[in-house]
C-alpha atoms as a PDB file:
ATOM      1  CA  MET A   1      -9.698 -51.161 216.180  1.00  0.00           C
ATOM      2  CA  ALA A   2     -11.190 -54.393 217.534  1.00  0.00           C
ATOM      3  CA  ASP A   3     -12.647 -52.559 220.567  1.00  0.00           C
ATOM      4  CA  SER A   4     -14.233 -49.768 218.520  1.00  0.00           C
ATOM      5  CA  TYR A   5     -16.481 -51.812 216.337  1.00  0.00           C
ATOM      6  CA  SER A   6     -18.406 -55.051 216.364  1.00  0.00           C
ATOM      7  CA  PHE A   7     -20.027 -57.160 213.681  1.00  0.00           C
ATOM      8  CA  VAL A   8     -22.481 -59.988 214.235  1.00  0.00           C
ATOM      9  CA  LYS A   9     -20.421 -63.116 213.769  1.00  0.00           C
ATOM     10  CA  GLY A  10     -22.000 -66.111 212.169  1.00  0.00           C
ATOM     11  CA  GLY A  11     -20.919 -69.670 212.550  1.00  0.00           C
ATOM     12  CA  LYS A  12     -21.634 -73.067 211.103  1.00  0.00           C
ATOM     13  CA  LEU A  13     -24.834 -74.555 212.498  1.00  0.00           C
ATOM     14  CA  LYS A  14     -24.020 -77.768 214.318  1.00  0.00           C
ATOM     15  CA  LEU A  15     -26.822 -80.136 215.160  1.00  0.00           C
ATOM     16  CA  LYS A  16     -26.907 -82.209 218.336  1.00  0.00           C
ATOM     17  CA  GLY A  17     -25.081 -85.494 217.905  1.00  0.00           C
ATOM     18  CA  GLN A  18     -23.512 -84.373 214.647  1.00  0.00           C
ATOM     19  CA  LYS A  19     -19.873 -85.276 214.218  1.00  0.00           C
ATOM     20  CA  ASP A  20     -17.334 -83.584 212.027  1.00  0.00           C
ATOM     21  CA  LYS A  21     -16.309 -85.756 209.123  1.00  0.00           C
ATOM     22  CA  LYS A  22     -13.077 -85.507 207.244  1.00  0.00           C
ATOM     23  CA  HIS A  23     -13.475 -86.037 203.538  1.00  0.00           C
ATOM     24  CA  LYS A  24     -10.644 -86.913 201.233  1.00  0.00           C
ATOM     25  CA  LYS A  25     -11.281 -85.256 197.916  1.00  0.00           C
ATOM     26  CA  HIS A  26      -9.853 -86.539 194.689  1.00  0.00           C
ATOM     27  CA  LYS A  27      -7.339 -84.203 193.093  1.00  0.00           C
ATOM     28  CA  LYS A  28      -9.380 -83.863 189.908  1.00  0.00           C
ATOM     29  CA  ARG A  29     -12.493 -82.978 191.893  1.00  0.00           C
ATOM     30  CA  LYS A  30     -10.583 -80.320 193.836  1.00  0.00           C
ATOM     31  CA  ARG A  31      -9.178 -78.866 190.629  1.00  0.00           C
ATOM     32  CA  ASP A  32     -12.666 -78.809 189.059  1.00  0.00           C
ATOM     33  CA  GLU A  33     -14.013 -76.989 192.108  1.00  0.00           C
ATOM     34  CA  VAL A  34     -11.326 -74.302 191.778  1.00  0.00           C
ATOM     35  CA  GLU A  35     -12.126 -73.830 188.102  1.00  0.00           C
ATOM     36  CA  ASP A  36     -15.871 -73.697 188.819  1.00  0.00           C
ATOM     37  CA  HIS A  37     -15.313 -71.119 191.583  1.00  0.00           C
ATOM     38  CA  SER A  38     -13.268 -68.974 189.207  1.00  0.00           C
ATOM     39  CA  THR A  39     -16.005 -69.168 186.574  1.00  0.00           C
ATOM     40  CA  LYS A  40     -18.622 -68.131 189.127  1.00  0.00           C
ATOM     41  CA  ASP A  41     -16.478 -65.168 190.255  1.00  0.00           C
ATOM     42  CA  GLU A  42     -16.143 -63.930 186.679  1.00  0.00           C
ATOM     43  CA  SER A  43     -19.862 -64.380 186.055  1.00  0.00           C
ATOM     44  CA  GLN A  44     -20.796 -62.545 189.257  1.00  0.00           C
ATOM     45  CA  LEU A  45     -18.445 -59.682 188.417  1.00  0.00           C
ATOM     46  CA  ALA A  46     -19.918 -59.359 184.934  1.00  0.00           C
ATOM     47  CA  GLU A  47     -23.444 -59.230 186.383  1.00  0.00           C
ATOM     48  CA  GLU A  48     -22.386 -56.659 188.992  1.00  0.00           C
ATOM     49  CA  LEU A  49     -20.793 -54.414 186.360  1.00  0.00           C
ATOM     50  CA  LYS A  50     -23.949 -54.669 184.283  1.00  0.00           C
ATOM     51  CA  GLU A  51     -26.212 -53.740 187.198  1.00  0.00           C
ATOM     52  CA  HIS A  52     -24.145 -50.794 188.430  1.00  0.00           C
ATOM     53  CA  GLY A  53     -23.035 -49.267 185.138  1.00  0.00           C
ATOM     54  CA  GLY A  54     -19.457 -50.536 185.305  1.00  0.00           C
ATOM     55  CA  TRP A  55     -18.925 -49.927 189.041  1.00  0.00           C
ATOM     56  CA  TRP A  56     -17.840 -52.864 191.202  1.00  0.00           C
ATOM     57  CA  SER A  57     -17.713 -53.381 194.966  1.00  0.00           C
ATOM     58  CA  VAL A  58     -14.246 -53.290 196.514  1.00  0.00           C
ATOM     59  CA  LYS A  59     -13.244 -56.226 198.714  1.00  0.00           C
ATOM     60  CA  LYS A  60      -9.897 -55.070 200.066  1.00  0.00           C
ATOM     61  CA  PHE A  61      -8.181 -51.873 201.154  1.00  0.00           C
ATOM     62  CA  ASP A  62      -5.805 -51.665 198.194  1.00  0.00           C
ATOM     63  CA  ASP A  63      -8.770 -51.363 195.808  1.00  0.00           C
ATOM     64  CA  ILE A  64      -9.902 -48.079 197.388  1.00  0.00           C
ATOM     65  CA  THR A  65      -8.204 -45.470 195.234  1.00  0.00           C
ATOM     66  CA  GLY A  66      -9.229 -42.931 192.624  1.00  0.00           C
ATOM     67  CA  ASN A  67     -12.901 -42.519 191.760  1.00  0.00           C
ATOM     68  CA  ILE A  68     -15.249 -44.223 194.214  1.00  0.00           C
ATOM     69  CA  ALA A  69     -18.904 -44.067 195.258  1.00  0.00           C
ATOM     70  CA  ILE A  70     -20.275 -44.950 198.700  1.00  0.00           C
ATOM     71  CA  GLU A  71     -23.450 -47.017 198.508  1.00  0.00           C
ATOM     72  CA  PHE A  72     -26.006 -47.641 201.244  1.00  0.00           C
ATOM     73  CA  GLY A  73     -28.703 -50.150 200.420  1.00  0.00           C
ATOM     74  CA  ASN A  74     -29.110 -51.022 196.743  1.00  0.00           C
ATOM     75  CA  ARG A  75     -27.916 -48.519 194.117  1.00  0.00           C
ATOM     76  CA  THR A  76     -28.345 -45.513 196.422  1.00  0.00           C
ATOM     77  CA  TYR A  77     -25.199 -43.428 196.897  1.00  0.00           C
ATOM     78  CA  ILE A  78     -24.241 -40.530 199.133  1.00  0.00           C
ATOM     79  CA  ASN A  79     -23.965 -37.256 197.265  1.00  0.00           C
ATOM     80  CA  ALA A  80     -22.337 -33.905 197.977  1.00  0.00           C
ATOM     81  CA  GLN A  81     -24.486 -30.812 198.423  1.00  0.00           C
ATOM     82  CA  ASP A  82     -23.321 -27.312 197.501  1.00  0.00           C
ATOM     83  CA  ASN A  83     -23.479 -26.360 201.193  1.00  0.00           C
ATOM     84  CA  GLY A  84     -20.901 -29.013 202.070  1.00  0.00           C
ATOM     85  CA  ARG A  85     -23.319 -31.529 203.543  1.00  0.00           C
ATOM     86  CA  PHE A  86     -23.985 -35.056 202.291  1.00  0.00           C
ATOM     87  CA  MET A  87     -27.312 -36.723 201.615  1.00  0.00           C
ATOM     88  CA  LEU A  88     -28.376 -40.133 200.385  1.00  0.00           C
ATOM     89  CA  GLY A  89     -29.326 -39.811 196.728  1.00  0.00           C
ATOM     90  CA  SER A  90     -32.258 -41.279 194.824  1.00  0.00           C
ATOM     91  CA  PRO A  91     -31.978 -44.918 193.725  1.00  0.00           C
ATOM     92  CA  ARG A  92     -30.184 -45.395 190.414  1.00  0.00           C
ATOM     93  CA  GLU A  93     -31.884 -47.413 187.701  1.00  0.00           C
ATOM     94  CA  PHE A  94     -30.557 -50.868 186.837  1.00  0.00           C
ATOM     95  CA  GLY A  95     -27.418 -50.383 184.747  1.00  0.00           C
ATOM     96  CA  GLU A  96     -27.098 -46.701 185.690  1.00  0.00           C
ATOM     97  CA  GLU A  97     -23.821 -45.420 187.107  1.00  0.00           C
ATOM     98  CA  PRO A  98     -23.542 -42.921 190.003  1.00  0.00           C
ATOM     99  CA  ASP A  99     -24.166 -39.233 189.271  1.00  0.00           C
ATOM    100  CA  PRO A 100     -21.132 -36.886 189.219  1.00  0.00           C
ATOM    101  CA  VAL A 101     -22.116 -35.440 192.631  1.00  0.00           C
ATOM    102  CA  GLU A 102     -22.027 -38.999 194.002  1.00  0.00           C
ATOM    103  CA  ILE A 103     -18.446 -39.633 192.876  1.00  0.00           C
ATOM    104  CA  LEU A 104     -15.661 -39.081 195.403  1.00  0.00           C
ATOM    105  CA  THR A 105     -11.892 -39.295 195.148  1.00  0.00           C
ATOM    106  CA  ALA A 106     -10.154 -41.690 197.544  1.00  0.00           C
ATOM    107  CA  ILE A 107      -6.571 -40.915 198.580  1.00  0.00           C
ATOM    108  CA  LYS A 108      -4.503 -43.457 200.511  1.00  0.00           C
ATOM    109  CA  LEU A 109      -2.745 -42.005 203.541  1.00  0.00           C
ATOM    110  CA  ASP A 110      -1.114 -45.145 204.950  1.00  0.00           C
ATOM    111  CA  GLU A 111      -1.763 -48.893 205.164  1.00  0.00           C
ATOM    112  CA  THR A 112      -5.178 -48.503 206.831  1.00  0.00           C
ATOM    113  CA  LYS A 113      -6.495 -44.969 206.311  1.00  0.00           C
ATOM    114  CA  ILE A 114      -7.775 -42.895 203.424  1.00  0.00           C
ATOM    115  CA  ALA A 115      -8.955 -39.339 202.776  1.00  0.00           C
ATOM    116  CA  LEU A 116     -12.047 -38.586 200.693  1.00  0.00           C
ATOM    117  CA  LYS A 117     -12.531 -35.559 198.448  1.00  0.00           C
ATOM    118  CA  SER A 118     -15.876 -34.478 197.068  1.00  0.00           C
ATOM    119  CA  GLY A 119     -16.569 -33.253 193.552  1.00  0.00           C
ATOM    120  CA  TYR A 120     -16.416 -29.727 194.959  1.00  0.00           C
ATOM    121  CA  GLY A 121     -12.734 -30.234 195.756  1.00  0.00           C
ATOM    122  CA  LYS A 122     -13.218 -30.360 199.539  1.00  0.00           C
ATOM    123  CA  TYR A 123     -12.083 -33.082 201.931  1.00  0.00           C
ATOM    124  CA  ILE A 124     -14.689 -34.941 203.953  1.00  0.00           C
ATOM    125  CA  SER A 125     -14.752 -34.814 207.758  1.00  0.00           C
ATOM    126  CA  ILE A 126     -17.361 -34.758 210.529  1.00  0.00           C
ATOM    127  CA  THR A 127     -18.684 -31.971 212.717  1.00  0.00           C
ATOM    128  CA  PRO A 128     -18.702 -32.200 216.548  1.00  0.00           C
ATOM    129  CA  GLU A 129     -22.369 -33.208 216.231  1.00  0.00           C
ATOM    130  CA  GLY A 130     -21.443 -36.161 214.007  1.00  0.00           C
ATOM    131  CA  LEU A 131     -22.614 -34.721 210.682  1.00  0.00           C
ATOM    132  CA  VAL A 132     -20.553 -35.742 207.633  1.00  0.00           C
ATOM    133  CA  VAL A 133     -19.458 -32.658 205.672  1.00  0.00           C
ATOM    134  CA  GLY A 134     -17.073 -31.799 202.869  1.00  0.00           C
ATOM    135  CA  ARG A 135     -15.629 -28.389 203.708  1.00  0.00           C
ATOM    136  CA  SER A 136     -11.930 -28.913 204.424  1.00  0.00           C
ATOM    137  CA  ASP A 137      -9.189 -27.580 202.158  1.00  0.00           C
ATOM    138  CA  ALA A 138      -6.465 -29.829 203.625  1.00  0.00           C
ATOM    139  CA  ILE A 139      -6.091 -33.251 205.230  1.00  0.00           C
ATOM    140  CA  GLY A 140      -5.821 -33.338 208.994  1.00  0.00           C
ATOM    141  CA  SER A 141      -6.763 -35.891 211.623  1.00  0.00           C
ATOM    142  CA  ARG A 142     -10.486 -35.133 211.161  1.00  0.00           C
ATOM    143  CA  GLU A 143     -10.270 -35.950 207.449  1.00  0.00           C
ATOM    144  CA  GLN A 144      -8.928 -39.467 207.955  1.00  0.00           C
ATOM    145  CA  TRP A 145     -11.176 -42.501 207.445  1.00  0.00           C
ATOM    146  CA  GLU A 146     -10.556 -46.176 208.055  1.00  0.00           C
ATOM    147  CA  PRO A 147     -12.369 -48.818 205.963  1.00  0.00           C
ATOM    148  CA  VAL A 148     -13.069 -51.826 208.185  1.00  0.00           C
ATOM    149  CA  PHE A 149     -13.523 -55.173 206.436  1.00  0.00           C
ATOM    150  CA  GLN A 150     -14.869 -58.132 208.349  1.00  0.00           C
ATOM    151  CA  GLU A 151     -16.594 -61.325 207.214  1.00  0.00           C
ATOM    152  CA  GLY A 152     -17.392 -59.917 203.777  1.00  0.00           C
ATOM    153  CA  LYS A 153     -18.871 -56.701 205.165  1.00  0.00           C
ATOM    154  CA  LEU A 154     -17.538 -53.148 205.122  1.00  0.00           C
ATOM    155  CA  ALA A 155     -17.992 -50.122 207.382  1.00  0.00           C
ATOM    156  CA  LEU A 156     -16.265 -46.742 207.321  1.00  0.00           C
ATOM    157  CA  ASN A 157     -14.777 -45.506 210.587  1.00  0.00           C
ATOM    158  CA  SER A 158     -14.173 -41.803 211.241  1.00  0.00           C
ATOM    159  CA  TYR A 159     -11.332 -40.218 213.235  1.00  0.00           C
ATOM    160  CA  ASN A 160     -13.309 -40.325 216.508  1.00  0.00           C
ATOM    161  CA  GLY A 161     -14.261 -44.006 216.256  1.00  0.00           C
ATOM    162  CA  SER A 162     -17.812 -43.509 214.949  1.00  0.00           C
ATOM    163  CA  PHE A 163     -19.101 -45.236 211.826  1.00  0.00           C
ATOM    164  CA  MET A 164     -20.754 -43.649 208.812  1.00  0.00           C
ATOM    165  CA  SER A 165     -24.484 -44.238 208.366  1.00  0.00           C
ATOM    166  CA  VAL A 166     -27.697 -42.533 207.202  1.00  0.00           C
ATOM    167  CA  ASP A 167     -30.299 -40.981 209.513  1.00  0.00           C
ATOM    168  CA  ASP A 168     -34.059 -40.901 208.986  1.00  0.00           C
ATOM    169  CA  ASP A 169     -33.841 -37.608 207.082  1.00  0.00           C
ATOM    170  CA  GLY A 170     -31.276 -38.972 204.632  1.00  0.00           C
ATOM    171  CA  ASP A 171     -28.362 -37.044 206.138  1.00  0.00           C
ATOM    172  CA  ILE A 172     -24.999 -38.816 206.268  1.00  0.00           C
ATOM    173  CA  ILE A 173     -23.816 -39.037 209.851  1.00  0.00           C
ATOM    174  CA  CYS A 174     -21.186 -40.627 212.087  1.00  0.00           C
ATOM    175  CA  THR A 175     -22.658 -41.218 215.544  1.00  0.00           C
ATOM    176  CA  SER A 176     -22.503 -44.952 216.247  1.00  0.00           C
ATOM    177  CA  LYS A 177     -19.448 -46.491 217.917  1.00  0.00           C
ATOM    178  CA  THR A 178     -20.426 -49.931 216.644  1.00  0.00           C
ATOM    179  CA  ALA A 179     -21.020 -51.134 213.106  1.00  0.00           C
ATOM    180  CA  GLY A 180     -24.497 -52.609 212.907  1.00  0.00           C
ATOM    181  CA  PRO A 181     -26.718 -53.138 209.853  1.00  0.00           C
ATOM    182  CA  GLN A 182     -27.256 -49.369 209.429  1.00  0.00           C
ATOM    183  CA  GLU A 183     -23.500 -48.809 209.161  1.00  0.00           C
ATOM    184  CA  ILE A 184     -22.818 -51.498 206.551  1.00  0.00           C
ATOM    185  CA  LEU A 185     -22.026 -49.995 203.168  1.00  0.00           C
ATOM    186  CA  GLN A 186     -20.377 -50.703 199.835  1.00  0.00           C
ATOM    187  CA  ILE A 187     -17.535 -48.743 198.310  1.00  0.00           C
ATOM    188  CA  ARG A 188     -17.690 -48.983 194.535  1.00  0.00           C
ATOM    189  CA  SER A 189     -14.939 -48.273 192.024  1.00  0.00           C
ATOM    190  CA  ASN A 190     -14.997 -47.786 188.270  1.00  0.00           C
ATOM    191  CA  VAL A 191     -11.341 -48.660 187.768  1.00  0.00           C
ATOM    192  CA  VAL A 192     -11.199 -51.224 184.987  1.00  0.00           C
ATOM    193  CA  LYS A 193     -11.047 -54.598 186.711  1.00  0.00           C
ATOM    194  CA  GLU A 194      -9.114 -57.045 184.583  1.00  0.00           C
ATOM    195  CA  VAL A 195      -9.863 -60.718 185.151  1.00  0.00           C
ATOM    196  CA  ASP A 196      -6.884 -63.015 184.637  1.00  0.00           C
ATOM    197  CA  PRO A 197      -8.253 -66.036 182.717  1.00  0.00           C
ATOM    198  CA  LYS A 198      -5.377 -68.128 184.081  1.00  0.00           C
ATOM    199  CA  ALA A 199      -5.763 -67.047 187.708  1.00  0.00           C
ATOM    200  CA  HIS A 200      -7.165 -70.460 188.715  1.00  0.00           C
ATOM    201  CA  ILE A 201      -4.310 -72.380 187.072  1.00  0.00           C
ATOM    202  CA  PRO A 202      -1.537 -73.518 189.453  1.00  0.00           C
ATOM    203  CA  LYS A 203       1.706 -71.624 188.835  1.00  0.00           C
ATOM    204  CA  GLU A 204       3.428 -74.935 188.007  1.00  0.00           C
ATOM    205  CA  GLU A 205       1.138 -75.331 184.970  1.00  0.00           C
ATOM    206  CA  LYS A 206       1.357 -71.838 183.463  1.00  0.00           C
ATOM    207  CA  GLY A 207       4.006 -72.822 180.938  1.00  0.00           C
ATOM    208  CA  SER A 208       4.126 -75.686 178.443  1.00  0.00           C
ATOM    209  CA  LEU A 209       3.346 -79.273 179.446  1.00  0.00           C
ATOM    210  CA  LYS A 210       7.088 -79.992 179.467  1.00  0.00           C
ATOM    211  CA  ASP A 211       7.583 -77.043 181.821  1.00  0.00           C
ATOM    212  CA  ALA A 212       4.719 -78.295 183.986  1.00  0.00           C
ATOM    213  CA  GLU A 213       6.334 -81.712 184.434  1.00  0.00           C
ATOM    214  CA  ILE A 214       9.705 -80.162 185.269  1.00  0.00           C
ATOM    215  CA  ASN A 215       8.074 -77.739 187.727  1.00  0.00           C
ATOM    216  CA  TYR A 216       6.278 -80.555 189.547  1.00  0.00           C
ATOM    217  CA  VAL A 217       9.447 -82.658 189.646  1.00  0.00           C
ATOM    218  CA  LYS A 218      11.292 -79.703 191.190  1.00  0.00           C
ATOM    219  CA  LYS A 219       8.471 -79.258 193.689  1.00  0.00           C
ATOM    220  CA  PHE A 220       8.226 -82.870 194.878  1.00  0.00           C
ATOM    221  CA  GLN A 221      11.541 -84.545 194.110  1.00  0.00           C
ATOM    222  CA  SER A 222      14.009 -85.124 196.921  1.00  0.00           C
ATOM    223  CA  PHE A 223      17.367 -83.919 195.682  1.00  0.00           C
ATOM    224  CA  GLN A 224      19.812 -86.333 197.249  1.00  0.00           C
ATOM    225  CA  ASP A 225      22.075 -86.207 194.229  1.00  0.00           C
ATOM    226  CA  ARG A 226      20.900 -82.747 193.064  1.00  0.00           C
ATOM    227  CA  ARG A 227      19.812 -84.060 189.659  1.00  0.00           C
ATOM    228  CA  LEU A 228      16.401 -83.755 188.062  1.00  0.00           C
ATOM    229  CA  ARG A 229      14.901 -87.098 187.169  1.00  0.00           C
ATOM    230  CA  ILE A 230      12.435 -86.695 184.286  1.00  0.00           C
ATOM    231  CA  SER A 231      10.477 -89.626 182.896  1.00  0.00           C
ATOM    232  CA  LYS A 232      11.694 -90.892 179.522  1.00  0.00           C
ATOM    233  CA  GLU A 233       8.301 -92.326 178.595  1.00  0.00           C
ATOM    234  CA  GLU A 234       6.425 -90.956 175.585  1.00  0.00           C
ATOM    235  CA  PHE A 235       5.007 -87.513 176.256  1.00  0.00           C
ATOM    236  CA  VAL A 236       1.910 -88.117 174.140  1.00  0.00           C
ATOM    237  CA  HIS A 237       0.198 -89.641 177.196  1.00  0.00           C
ATOM    238  CA  VAL A 238       0.608 -86.356 179.080  1.00  0.00           C
ATOM    239  CA  LYS A 239      -1.048 -84.373 176.285  1.00  0.00           C
ATOM    240  CA  LYS A 240      -3.909 -86.846 176.246  1.00  0.00           C
ATOM    241  CA  ALA A 241      -4.228 -86.655 180.036  1.00  0.00           C
ATOM    242  CA  LYS A 242      -4.578 -82.868 179.933  1.00  0.00           C
ATOM    243  CA  LYS A 243      -7.448 -83.120 177.448  1.00  0.00           C
ATOM    244  CA  GLU A 244      -9.163 -85.764 179.591  1.00  0.00           C
ATOM    245  CA  GLY A 245      -8.692 -83.779 182.820  1.00  0.00           C
ATOM    246  CA  ASN A 246      -6.320 -86.124 184.675  1.00  0.00           C
ATOM    247  CA  LEU A 247      -3.017 -84.321 184.135  1.00  0.00           C
ATOM    248  CA  HIS A 248      -2.036 -84.395 187.827  1.00  0.00           C
ATOM    249  CA  GLU A 249      -2.567 -88.139 188.130  1.00  0.00           C
ATOM    250  CA  THR A 250      -0.551 -88.861 184.989  1.00  0.00           C
ATOM    251  CA  LEU A 251       2.363 -86.679 186.093  1.00  0.00           C
ATOM    252  CA  LEU A 252       2.271 -88.350 189.509  1.00  0.00           C
ATOM    253  CA  ASP A 253       2.405 -91.787 187.883  1.00  0.00           C
ATOM    254  CA  ARG A 254       5.403 -90.718 185.800  1.00  0.00           C
ATOM    255  CA  ARG A 255       7.207 -89.406 188.867  1.00  0.00           C
ATOM    256  CA  GLU A 256       6.325 -92.515 190.856  1.00  0.00           C
ATOM    257  CA  LYS A 257       7.961 -94.695 188.242  1.00  0.00           C
ATOM    258  CA  MET A 258      11.119 -92.614 188.608  1.00  0.00           C
ATOM    259  CA  LYS A 259      10.914 -93.266 192.387  1.00  0.00           C
ATOM    260  CA  ALA A 260      12.010 -89.730 193.091  1.00  0.00           C
ATOM    261  CA  ASP A 261       8.809 -88.266 194.499  1.00  0.00           C
ATOM    262  CA  ARG A 262       8.796 -88.137 198.298  1.00  0.00           C
ATOM    263  CA  TYR A 263       4.980 -88.398 198.262  1.00  0.00           C
ATOM    264  CA  CYS A 264       4.875 -91.595 196.192  1.00  0.00           C
ATOM    265  CA  LYS A 265       4.674 -95.089 197.653  1.00  0.00           C
END
């Protein structure tokens, strides 16, 4: 697919004479950044759900299933007409979900392609002139679509290598062989998106503190004699370290004293 589409690629701006610097980040700082990023993701999702009436923007292929809506611009969705054609609908109000005629059904065909069915029960394809229509009763090659994700953007590729977009009259078309700004869209889903509150926590720490210490010993200890070496020091210091935010450093110190950690001095 690389030859059939192109996105504008951005890069980091590098000033003349500027040198790349390698920064060593403290473990606690790195952990705090992960937690902060997770909090921002949850906050952004909540705001997005609020703005779009519970519909969120998909970021990967596996999310495209069941009820979806295709959005061009901001809160404007394609909708099915009773003659089988598709038009860009009127902008939804803040917090308003897509209309029933703007809701499609996505069906996965393989690892990269999907079929789309309108509310009229017809599969979506394109005419020889590049007009997007929903008039098919079965899925053939013309009814196959490929979502293309690149650099946080999404475009929808038809069977003949053209991308979906909107013309000046509001008709939904597929005529461009490249994905420029006019072909960038959002696919939204209303499938309940559950946020795992522990997603940012390392898998080694998802049990008790005792389990966490054992998991880290297993991860870093060199097993010359195939025996786990767990610190015999009082565990109260570990509990205190977790509250103060320096759990990793405390566990490292305990392993270092056991002289079993291959990363210790």
